[in-house]
C-alpha cells in the first residue's frame, strides 16, 4: 500500500470516527427543549466541565494558531499563550459570575441589561459579527487549507480545499448547534493535543535536542523593540487584549455560559487555563524554531512542512485528521457564535421575536460561509497571518472592551455615550495602526501599546460625552455586586 493511500485512509477513518462519536453523544438530546434559542446556542445549559474545557481549547487552538505562530519561528510567540492564562482566570472569576447573574445567552445581552438599551447590544453584536465574518472565519479556512496542501503536497488550488472545509464546517453548525460543536471540539481536542506533542518530540529528535546555530533572538522570551512582542507591551495592552478575547468574545464565552451552573463553568475554564499553560506554548513555537534550523525562514509553510517530513504515513494521517477537526471546530464555533449574535441580538430584537431558530440560523450560516470563501485570497496574500489577525482585530477589541468596562463599573452612563466611544475608538486605532494613515505609529509605538492607548481613550470619551452631552454623572456600581 502506497504512503499516500495510508495517509488518506487513516485521515478519513479518524475523521469519520469523531463524527460518529459526536452523533452518538448528541443523539436524542435537546429535541424536547422548549426554548429553541437556549438549546441551539447554549446546548440547553447541559455542557459538563470537560466539554466546556475541550470546546474552549479547540475553538481557540486551530491552524491559525499552529500554522501562524509556528510560522513566526520564534519562542517569543509563546507569550500570547502565557498571558492567555491570565485572561481565562479573569473570565472565570470576573466575567462569568456576571453573565450567570444576568442569565445571558450572549455576552452583549449584559450590555443591554447594564445600559438599559437594546441598541447598544445590537451595535456591539454587529461588530462581533463582522469580526467573525471578515476576520476569523476566512483566516481559519485559509490557514487550514494551506496546512493540508503543504502536508500532503497537494497539487490543487487552495480554494478547492477551502470549499471542502467550509461546507463540512457549515453542516456541523447548521444541523448540530452548540452541543454538537462542543462535543466534537472535545474529542478532536484530545486527539490534536496528543498529536501536536508527538510533533514536538519528533522535531526535537530530528535535531538531536541541539538548538545550536539558531539565532538567539529566535529563542528568547524577552523581545526587543523590533520584535513582534516587545517586552514592555506585556505591561500595557497585552493583558487587555486577553481580557477582551477570553472575557467578552462570544465565541469563547458561549461555551462557558452553556454549563449547568457557574461552578461547572468555572471548573471548565480553569481546566482550559491549565492546558493553555502546560501544553499549548510548546506546540505553537518549538516546531517552528526547529524548522528554522532545518529549512531556514519559510514562514507560514513551516508547520505543514515539518509535520509532512517527520511523521510516518500512519501518524501523519492521524495528525491530518486532528488538524482538519481543529479547522472545522474553530470554523463552526465562529459560525455558531456569529449566528447567535445575529438571531438573539438583532433579528429577535428588531425583526421577529419568535423566529424558527434552526431555519434562520441555517440561512445566516450559509451567508457567512460564502463571505468566508470570498475572503480566502485576501489572507493568502498576507505576510504573516497571525500578525494580520491581531492587527485587524485591534480595530474592534479595545473599543468593545471599553463598553464592557464602563458598563460593568458604572451606572447612569447613557448608551449613546458608549456607542460614540466605540466609533471613536475604531477610527482612532485605525488611524494609528495602518501604514497609509498620516498618524501611523505615533512616536514609533507598537500596536499593542496603541491598543492600550485606545482603551483608555475610549473610556475617557464615553465618560466625557456622558457628562457634557447627556448631562449625566456616572455612579460607580460593580455589576457583580449590584442589584439586578
Protein backbone atom coordinates (compact mmCIF):
# COMPACT_ATOMS: atom_id res chain seq x y z
CA UNK A 1 0.00 0.00 0.00
CA UNK A 2 1.43 3.37 -1.01
CA UNK A 3 2.27 6.06 1.54
CA UNK A 4 -0.37 8.42 0.18
CA UNK A 5 -3.15 5.83 0.40
CA UNK A 6 -2.18 5.03 4.02
CA UNK A 7 -2.30 8.72 4.96
CA UNK A 8 -5.66 9.32 3.30
CA UNK A 9 -7.21 6.12 4.68
CA UNK A 10 -6.18 6.90 8.25
CA UNK A 11 -7.28 10.53 7.82
CA UNK A 12 -10.75 9.55 6.60
CA UNK A 13 -11.13 6.83 9.23
CA UNK A 14 -10.28 9.08 12.18
CA UNK A 15 -12.42 11.93 10.83
CA UNK A 16 -15.39 9.58 10.47
CA UNK A 17 -14.84 8.21 13.99
CA UNK A 18 -15.02 11.71 15.51
CA UNK A 19 -18.22 12.41 13.61
CA UNK A 20 -19.79 9.12 14.76
CA UNK A 21 -18.83 9.67 18.42
CA UNK A 22 -20.29 13.18 18.27
CA UNK A 23 -23.52 11.87 16.75
CA UNK A 24 -23.86 9.14 19.39
CA UNK A 25 -23.38 11.61 22.23
CA UNK A 26 -25.79 14.20 20.83
CA UNK A 27 -28.47 11.82 19.51
CA UNK A 28 -31.85 12.47 21.07
CA UNK A 29 -30.66 15.36 23.24
CA UNK A 30 -32.29 18.75 23.11
CA UNK A 31 -35.17 17.92 20.80
CA UNK A 32 -37.74 18.47 23.54
CA UNK A 33 -36.19 21.74 24.70
CA UNK A 34 -38.98 24.34 24.68
CA UNK A 35 -36.53 27.22 24.28
CA UNK A 36 -35.05 26.77 20.81
CA UNK A 37 -32.58 29.59 21.33
CA UNK A 38 -31.16 28.11 24.54
CA UNK A 39 -30.86 24.65 23.03
CA UNK A 40 -29.31 25.74 19.74
CA UNK A 41 -26.87 28.30 21.13
CA UNK A 42 -26.27 27.13 24.73
CA UNK A 43 -26.74 23.36 24.34
CA UNK A 44 -29.71 23.59 26.69
CA UNK A 45 -27.33 24.54 29.52
CA UNK A 46 -26.08 20.96 29.58
CA UNK A 47 -22.33 21.08 28.89
CA UNK A 48 -20.23 19.30 31.53
CA UNK A 49 -16.98 20.99 32.57
CA UNK A 50 -14.82 18.75 30.37
CA UNK A 51 -16.82 19.72 27.28
CA UNK A 52 -16.51 23.38 28.27
CA UNK A 53 -12.74 22.98 28.61
CA UNK A 54 -12.41 21.00 25.40
CA UNK A 55 -14.52 23.37 23.35
CA UNK A 56 -12.76 26.50 24.65
CA UNK A 57 -9.37 24.92 23.95
CA UNK A 58 -10.07 23.79 20.42
CA UNK A 59 -12.14 26.83 19.45
CA UNK A 60 -9.02 28.90 20.05
CA UNK A 61 -6.38 26.36 19.05
CA UNK A 62 -6.59 25.81 15.34
CA UNK A 63 -4.48 26.21 12.25
CA UNK A 64 -4.37 29.99 12.59
CA UNK A 65 -2.51 29.32 15.88
CA UNK A 66 -0.44 26.28 14.95
CA UNK A 67 0.34 27.45 11.43
CA UNK A 68 0.51 31.18 12.14
CA UNK A 69 2.53 31.11 15.37
CA UNK A 70 4.94 28.38 14.26
CA UNK A 71 5.26 30.38 11.05
CA UNK A 72 6.96 33.16 13.03
CA UNK A 73 9.62 30.58 14.01
CA UNK A 74 10.49 32.13 17.37
CA UNK A 75 9.84 31.38 21.05
CA UNK A 76 8.51 34.86 21.71
CA UNK A 77 5.04 33.98 20.42
CA UNK A 78 4.56 31.75 23.48
CA UNK A 79 3.90 34.95 25.43
CA UNK A 80 0.45 35.11 23.82
CA UNK A 81 -0.35 31.76 25.44
CA UNK A 82 1.12 32.52 28.87
CA UNK A 83 -0.83 35.77 29.04
CA UNK A 84 -3.96 33.92 27.85
CA UNK A 85 -3.91 32.03 31.16
CA UNK A 86 -4.49 35.35 32.92
CA UNK A 87 -7.34 36.10 30.52
CA UNK A 88 -9.02 32.77 31.31
CA UNK A 89 -8.72 33.36 35.06
CA UNK A 90 -10.36 36.79 34.59
CA UNK A 91 -13.14 35.11 32.60
CA UNK A 92 -13.75 32.60 35.41
CA UNK A 93 -13.59 34.98 38.35
CA UNK A 94 -14.80 38.31 36.92
CA UNK A 95 -16.97 37.87 33.83
CA UNK A 96 -18.71 34.52 34.33
CA UNK A 97 -20.33 35.44 37.65
CA UNK A 98 -21.86 38.48 35.95
CA UNK A 99 -23.06 36.55 32.89
CA UNK A 100 -24.69 33.91 35.07
CA UNK A 101 -26.16 36.51 37.40
CA UNK A 102 -27.91 38.16 34.45
CA UNK A 103 -28.75 34.80 32.80
CA UNK A 104 -27.16 35.87 29.50
CA UNK A 105 -27.36 33.98 26.21
CA UNK A 106 -24.88 36.33 24.53
CA UNK A 107 -22.19 38.47 26.11
CA UNK A 108 -23.80 41.54 24.60
CA UNK A 109 -27.04 40.83 26.47
CA UNK A 110 -25.16 42.03 29.54
CA UNK A 111 -24.73 45.43 27.88
CA UNK A 112 -28.46 45.78 27.30
CA UNK A 113 -29.10 45.00 30.96
CA UNK A 114 -26.44 47.38 32.28
CA UNK A 115 -27.17 50.29 29.92
CA UNK A 116 -30.93 49.57 29.76
CA UNK A 117 -30.80 49.96 25.98
CA UNK A 118 -31.16 47.32 23.27
CA UNK A 119 -29.42 49.43 20.62
CA UNK A 120 -26.01 49.20 22.26
CA UNK A 121 -26.42 45.44 22.34
CA UNK A 122 -27.14 45.43 18.61
CA UNK A 123 -24.20 47.72 17.77
CA UNK A 124 -21.63 45.62 19.64
CA UNK A 125 -23.14 42.40 18.30
CA UNK A 126 -22.73 43.74 14.78
CA UNK A 127 -19.05 44.43 15.42
CA UNK A 128 -18.52 40.93 16.83
CA UNK A 129 -20.46 39.51 13.88
CA UNK A 130 -18.28 41.37 11.39
CA UNK A 131 -15.15 40.21 13.23
CA UNK A 132 -16.15 36.57 12.79
CA UNK A 133 -17.35 37.04 9.22
CA UNK A 134 -14.45 39.14 7.90
CA UNK A 135 -11.52 38.07 10.10
CA UNK A 136 -11.69 34.76 11.94
CA UNK A 137 -13.78 32.57 9.61
CA UNK A 138 -11.78 33.26 6.43
CA UNK A 139 -8.45 33.15 8.34
CA UNK A 140 -9.20 29.71 9.76
CA UNK A 141 -10.32 28.32 6.42
CA UNK A 142 -7.24 29.72 4.66
CA UNK A 143 -4.70 28.51 7.22
CA UNK A 144 -6.29 25.06 7.39
CA UNK A 145 -6.26 24.70 3.64
CA UNK A 146 -2.63 25.87 3.46
CA UNK A 147 -1.63 23.29 6.08
CA UNK A 148 -3.28 20.41 4.22
CA UNK A 149 -1.72 21.42 0.91
CA UNK A 150 1.78 21.64 2.43
CA UNK A 151 1.45 18.47 4.48
CA UNK A 152 0.15 16.22 1.69
CA UNK A 153 1.98 18.10 -1.07
CA UNK A 154 -1.32 18.52 -2.89
CA UNK A 155 -1.22 19.95 -6.39
CA UNK A 156 -4.57 21.72 -6.14
CA UNK A 157 -5.80 25.27 -5.88
CA UNK A 158 -6.21 26.41 -2.27
CA UNK A 159 -9.86 27.29 -2.93
CA UNK A 160 -10.65 23.63 -3.63
CA UNK A 161 -9.60 22.62 -0.11
CA UNK A 162 -11.19 25.76 1.39
CA UNK A 163 -14.59 24.94 -0.14
CA UNK A 164 -14.47 21.42 1.32
CA UNK A 165 -13.62 22.72 4.81
CA UNK A 166 -16.27 25.44 4.68
CA UNK A 167 -19.02 23.08 3.52
CA UNK A 168 -18.41 20.45 6.22
CA UNK A 169 -17.97 23.07 8.95
CA UNK A 170 -21.20 24.77 7.98
CA UNK A 171 -23.09 21.46 8.17
CA UNK A 172 -21.88 20.90 11.76
CA UNK A 173 -23.03 24.39 12.74
CA UNK A 174 -26.39 24.14 10.94
CA UNK A 175 -27.50 20.68 11.97
CA UNK A 176 -25.91 20.27 15.39
CA UNK A 177 -25.92 23.65 17.12
CA UNK A 178 -23.54 24.33 20.00
CA UNK A 179 -23.95 20.86 21.55
CA UNK A 180 -22.51 19.09 18.51
CA UNK A 181 -19.83 21.74 18.10
CA UNK A 182 -18.67 21.44 21.73
CA UNK A 183 -18.68 17.64 21.80
CA UNK A 184 -16.75 17.33 18.53
CA UNK A 185 -14.37 20.04 19.82
CA UNK A 186 -13.54 17.92 22.86
CA UNK A 187 -12.96 14.65 21.02
CA UNK A 188 -10.90 16.46 18.41
CA UNK A 189 -9.06 18.47 21.05
CA UNK A 190 -7.75 15.42 22.89
CA UNK A 191 -6.51 13.99 19.60
CA UNK A 192 -4.97 17.28 18.46
CA UNK A 193 -3.09 17.94 21.70
CA UNK A 194 -1.66 14.42 21.77
CA UNK A 195 -0.57 14.58 18.13
CA UNK A 196 0.83 18.11 18.50
CA UNK A 197 3.00 16.89 21.38
CA UNK A 198 4.15 13.98 19.20
CA UNK A 199 5.23 16.52 16.59
CA UNK A 200 7.21 18.41 19.24
CA UNK A 201 9.10 15.29 20.35
CA UNK A 202 9.72 14.05 16.79
CA UNK A 203 11.03 17.50 15.83
CA UNK A 204 13.34 17.57 18.86
CA UNK A 205 14.70 14.15 17.90
CA UNK A 206 15.30 15.39 14.35
CA UNK A 207 17.86 17.92 15.66
CA UNK A 208 19.03 15.61 18.49
CA UNK A 209 17.79 18.21 21.00
CA UNK A 210 20.54 20.56 19.78
CA UNK A 211 19.44 24.18 19.32
CA UNK A 212 22.90 25.43 18.39
CA UNK A 213 23.05 27.56 15.28
CA UNK A 214 19.64 29.10 15.88
CA UNK A 215 19.89 32.89 16.34
CA UNK A 216 19.40 33.96 20.00
CA UNK A 217 16.57 36.32 19.07
CA UNK A 218 14.53 33.30 17.98
CA UNK A 219 14.99 31.58 21.36
CA UNK A 220 14.40 34.43 23.78
CA UNK A 221 11.19 35.31 25.65
CA UNK A 222 12.33 38.90 26.11
CA UNK A 223 11.54 40.79 22.93
CA UNK A 224 13.35 43.95 21.94
CA UNK A 225 11.75 46.97 20.28
CA UNK A 226 11.98 45.38 16.81
CA UNK A 227 10.42 42.02 17.78
CA UNK A 228 6.75 41.03 17.28
CA UNK A 229 6.18 41.32 21.06
CA UNK A 230 8.47 43.90 22.74
CA UNK A 231 8.78 43.06 26.44
CA UNK A 232 7.19 46.32 27.55
CA UNK A 233 3.92 45.55 25.74
CA UNK A 234 3.29 42.96 28.46
CA UNK A 235 2.87 45.88 30.86
CA UNK A 236 0.26 47.75 28.79
CA UNK A 237 -2.04 46.34 26.12
CA UNK A 238 -1.35 42.60 26.31
CA UNK A 239 -3.46 41.90 29.40
CA UNK A 240 -6.39 43.88 27.99
CA UNK A 241 -6.20 42.02 24.68
CA UNK A 242 -6.53 38.78 26.64
CA UNK A 243 -9.30 40.21 28.82
CA UNK A 244 -11.26 41.14 25.72
CA UNK A 245 -10.70 37.85 23.88
CA UNK A 246 -11.42 35.46 26.73
CA UNK A 247 -13.90 37.55 28.73
CA UNK A 248 -16.18 39.29 26.23
CA UNK A 249 -15.77 37.40 22.96
CA UNK A 250 -18.96 35.44 22.25
CA UNK A 251 -17.04 32.64 20.50
CA UNK A 252 -15.25 31.76 23.74
CA UNK A 253 -17.69 32.73 26.47
CA UNK A 254 -20.62 30.99 24.81
CA UNK A 255 -19.08 27.64 25.77
CA UNK A 256 -18.70 28.66 29.40
CA UNK A 257 -22.26 30.02 29.53
CA UNK A 258 -23.60 26.64 28.35
CA UNK A 259 -22.74 24.80 31.58
CA UNK A 260 -25.50 23.81 34.04
CA UNK A 261 -24.20 26.28 36.66
CA UNK A 262 -21.43 28.74 37.45
CA UNK A 263 -19.30 26.19 39.34
CA UNK A 264 -19.28 23.74 36.45
CA UNK A 265 -18.45 26.58 34.04
CA UNK A 266 -15.55 27.81 36.18
CA UNK A 267 -14.18 24.29 36.50
CA UNK A 268 -14.12 24.00 32.71
CA UNK A 269 -12.43 27.39 32.28
CA UNK A 270 -9.74 26.54 34.86
CA UNK A 271 -9.09 23.23 33.07
CA UNK A 272 -8.70 25.14 29.79
CA UNK A 273 -6.25 27.50 31.54
CA UNK A 274 -4.20 24.52 32.72
CA UNK A 275 -3.97 23.17 29.17
CA UNK A 276 -3.02 26.64 27.94
CA UNK A 277 -0.21 26.89 30.49
CA UNK A 278 1.27 23.40 30.34
CA UNK A 279 0.82 22.24 26.75
CA UNK A 280 -0.02 24.97 24.25
CA UNK A 281 3.15 27.15 24.45
CA UNK A 282 5.37 24.23 23.46
CA UNK A 283 3.30 23.11 20.50
CA UNK A 284 2.97 26.58 18.95
CA UNK A 285 6.66 27.56 18.99
CA UNK A 286 9.04 24.58 19.26
CA UNK A 287 8.28 23.02 15.83
CA UNK A 288 8.68 26.44 14.19
CA UNK A 289 12.05 27.09 15.86
CA UNK A 290 13.31 23.66 14.84
CA UNK A 291 12.04 24.20 11.30
CA UNK A 292 14.20 27.32 11.10
CA UNK A 293 17.26 25.17 11.79
CA UNK A 294 16.16 22.51 9.30
CA UNK A 295 14.79 24.64 6.46
CA UNK A 296 15.52 28.29 7.17
CA UNK A 297 12.91 31.05 7.24
CA UNK A 298 9.90 29.56 5.42
CA UNK A 299 7.09 31.47 7.13
CA UNK A 300 3.54 30.10 7.27
CA UNK A 301 4.54 26.96 5.32
CA UNK A 302 6.56 25.83 8.38
CA UNK A 303 4.13 23.61 10.24
CA UNK A 304 2.79 21.67 7.28
CA UNK A 305 6.36 21.08 6.05
CA UNK A 306 7.76 19.76 9.32
CA UNK A 307 4.76 17.52 10.01
CA UNK A 308 4.77 16.13 6.49
CA UNK A 309 8.53 15.45 6.56
CA UNK A 310 8.94 13.99 10.06
CA UNK A 311 5.84 11.92 10.79
CA UNK A 312 5.44 8.44 9.29
CA UNK A 313 2.42 7.93 6.99
CA UNK A 314 0.04 6.45 9.57
CA UNK A 315 0.79 9.14 12.17
CA UNK A 316 0.61 11.91 9.59
CA UNK A 317 -2.82 10.65 8.60
CA UNK A 318 -3.98 10.80 12.22
CA UNK A 319 -2.49 14.27 12.59
CA UNK A 320 -4.16 15.46 9.41
CA UNK A 321 -7.49 14.29 10.82
CA UNK A 322 -6.81 16.15 14.07
CA UNK A 323 -5.90 19.32 12.20
CA UNK A 324 -8.92 19.02 9.94
CA UNK A 325 -11.08 18.65 13.03
CA UNK A 326 -9.41 21.71 14.56
CA UNK A 327 -10.17 23.74 11.46
CA UNK A 328 -13.76 22.57 11.35
CA UNK A 329 -14.46 23.10 15.02
CA UNK A 330 -12.91 26.56 15.17
CA UNK A 331 -14.75 27.49 12.00
CA UNK A 332 -18.12 26.15 13.04
CA UNK A 333 -17.68 27.65 16.52
CA UNK A 334 -17.29 31.07 14.93
CA UNK A 335 -20.27 30.38 12.69
CA UNK A 336 -22.47 29.30 15.60
CA UNK A 337 -21.48 32.26 17.76
CA UNK A 338 -21.87 34.82 14.99
CA UNK A 339 -25.27 33.36 14.18
CA UNK A 340 -26.26 33.54 17.87
CA UNK A 341 -25.41 37.23 17.92
CA UNK A 342 -27.50 37.94 14.86
CA UNK A 343 -30.50 35.84 15.90
CA UNK A 344 -30.63 36.88 19.58
CA UNK A 345 -29.42 40.46 19.42
CA UNK A 346 -30.64 41.74 16.06
CA UNK A 347 -33.32 39.57 14.47
CA UNK A 348 -35.33 38.87 17.62
CA UNK A 349 -34.99 42.47 18.78
CA UNK A 350 -35.91 44.27 15.55
CA UNK A 351 -37.47 41.85 13.06
CA UNK A 352 -39.25 38.85 14.62
CA UNK A 353 -39.08 37.94 18.29
CA UNK A 354 -40.18 34.33 17.67
CA UNK A 355 -38.32 33.08 14.60
CA UNK A 356 -37.73 29.48 13.56
CA UNK A 357 -34.25 29.42 15.11
CA UNK A 358 -32.77 26.40 13.25
CA UNK A 359 -34.02 27.65 9.86
CA UNK A 360 -32.88 31.24 10.39
CA UNK A 361 -29.53 30.08 11.74
CA UNK A 362 -29.03 27.91 8.67
CA UNK A 363 -29.57 30.86 6.35
CA UNK A 364 -27.17 33.10 8.28
CA UNK A 365 -24.55 30.33 8.43
CA UNK A 366 -24.77 29.80 4.67
CA UNK A 367 -24.24 33.53 4.07
CA UNK A 368 -21.24 33.60 6.41
CA UNK A 369 -19.74 30.62 4.61
CA UNK A 370 -19.93 32.36 1.24
CA UNK A 371 -18.30 35.50 2.66
CA UNK A 372 -15.52 33.44 4.27
CA UNK A 373 -14.64 31.77 1.00
CA UNK A 374 -14.65 35.08 -0.86
CA UNK A 375 -12.02 36.45 1.55
CA UNK A 376 -9.61 33.49 1.44
CA UNK A 377 -7.49 35.11 -1.34
CA UNK A 378 -7.04 38.22 0.85
CA UNK A 379 -5.48 36.17 3.64
CA UNK A 380 -3.40 34.20 1.16
CA UNK A 381 -1.57 37.42 0.29
CA UNK A 382 -0.65 38.25 3.92
CA UNK A 383 3.00 38.17 5.01
CA UNK A 384 2.09 36.69 8.42
CA UNK A 385 -1.44 35.53 9.06
CA UNK A 386 -1.27 35.66 12.87
CA UNK A 387 0.08 39.22 12.85
CA UNK A 388 -2.58 40.29 10.36
CA UNK A 389 -5.35 38.81 12.52
CA UNK A 390 -4.08 40.60 15.63
CA UNK A 391 -3.82 43.94 13.82
CA UNK A 392 -7.25 43.72 12.21
CA UNK A 393 -8.99 42.62 15.38
CA UNK A 394 -7.41 45.54 17.18
CA UNK A 395 -9.90 47.74 15.34
CA UNK A 396 -12.68 46.13 17.34
CA UNK A 397 -11.20 44.74 20.54
CA UNK A 398 -10.37 47.80 22.62
CA UNK A 399 -13.42 49.87 21.60
CA UNK A 400 -15.66 46.92 22.51
CA UNK A 401 -13.80 46.25 25.77
CA UNK A 402 -14.29 49.91 26.75
CA UNK A 403 -18.08 49.47 26.52
CA UNK A 404 -17.93 46.43 28.80
CA UNK A 405 -15.57 48.21 31.21
CA UNK A 406 -17.79 51.28 31.52
CA UNK A 407 -20.93 49.13 31.74
CA UNK A 408 -19.51 46.85 34.43
CA UNK A 409 -18.03 49.64 36.53
CA UNK A 410 -20.67 52.36 36.29
CA UNK A 411 -24.38 53.01 36.30
CA UNK A 412 -26.04 56.12 34.86
CA UNK A 413 -23.97 56.17 31.66
CA UNK A 414 -26.02 56.84 28.53
CA UNK A 415 -25.80 54.09 25.92
CA UNK A 416 -25.17 56.61 23.14
CA UNK A 417 -22.13 57.93 25.02
CA UNK A 418 -20.66 54.41 24.98
CA UNK A 419 -21.56 53.92 21.30
CA UNK A 420 -19.86 57.24 20.48
CA UNK A 421 -16.73 55.98 22.23
CA UNK A 422 -16.79 52.78 20.16
CA UNK A 423 -17.00 54.70 16.87
CA UNK A 424 -14.22 57.00 18.05
CA UNK A 425 -12.08 54.01 19.09
CA UNK A 426 -12.37 52.20 15.75
CA UNK A 427 -11.36 55.34 13.84
CA UNK A 428 -8.66 56.27 16.35
CA UNK A 429 -6.99 52.87 16.35
CA UNK A 430 -7.27 52.56 12.57
CA UNK A 431 -5.60 55.95 12.13
CA UNK A 432 -2.70 54.91 14.37
CA UNK A 433 -2.17 51.35 13.17
CA UNK A 434 -2.42 51.32 9.38
CA UNK A 435 0.53 52.49 7.30
CA UNK A 436 -1.45 54.60 4.83
CA UNK A 437 -2.57 56.91 7.65
CA UNK A 438 -0.55 60.08 8.37
CA UNK A 439 -0.95 59.25 12.10
CA UNK A 440 0.55 55.78 11.70
CA UNK A 441 2.51 54.51 14.76
CA UNK A 442 2.89 57.81 16.65
CA UNK A 443 6.26 58.02 18.41
CA UNK A 444 7.07 54.61 16.93
CA UNK A 445 4.75 52.84 19.40
CA UNK A 446 3.98 49.13 18.93
CA UNK A 447 0.39 48.24 18.01
CA UNK A 448 -0.13 46.56 21.42
CA UNK A 449 0.72 49.87 23.11
CA UNK A 450 -1.69 51.56 20.71
CA UNK A 451 -4.42 49.18 21.89
CA UNK A 452 -3.86 50.26 25.49
CA UNK A 453 -3.99 53.93 24.49
CA UNK A 454 -7.17 53.25 22.52
CA UNK A 455 -8.85 51.59 25.53
CA UNK A 456 -8.06 54.49 27.86
CA UNK A 457 -9.17 56.99 25.24
CA UNK A 458 -12.47 55.21 24.64
CA UNK A 459 -13.33 55.03 28.33
CA UNK A 460 -12.48 58.73 28.68
CA UNK A 461 -14.58 59.68 25.65
CA UNK A 462 -17.57 57.70 26.96
CA UNK A 463 -17.46 59.41 30.34
CA UNK A 464 -16.86 62.86 28.85
CA UNK A 465 -19.71 62.59 26.33
CA UNK A 466 -21.94 61.25 29.08
CA UNK A 467 -21.21 64.31 31.23
CA UNK A 468 -21.03 67.04 28.60
CA UNK A 469 -23.68 65.94 26.10
CA UNK A 470 -26.13 63.88 28.15
CA UNK A 471 -25.58 65.76 31.44
CA UNK A 472 -25.37 62.53 33.45
CA UNK A 473 -23.00 61.79 36.31
CA UNK A 474 -21.72 58.17 36.34
CA UNK A 475 -22.18 56.22 39.56
CA UNK A 476 -19.65 53.54 40.44
CA UNK A 477 -21.56 50.25 40.65
CA UNK A 478 -19.67 46.99 40.04
CA UNK A 479 -22.03 44.66 38.16
CA UNK A 480 -21.24 41.55 40.19
CA UNK A 481 -22.44 43.15 43.42
CA UNK A 482 -25.14 45.41 42.05
CA UNK A 483 -28.80 44.59 42.42
CA UNK A 484 -30.49 43.36 39.27
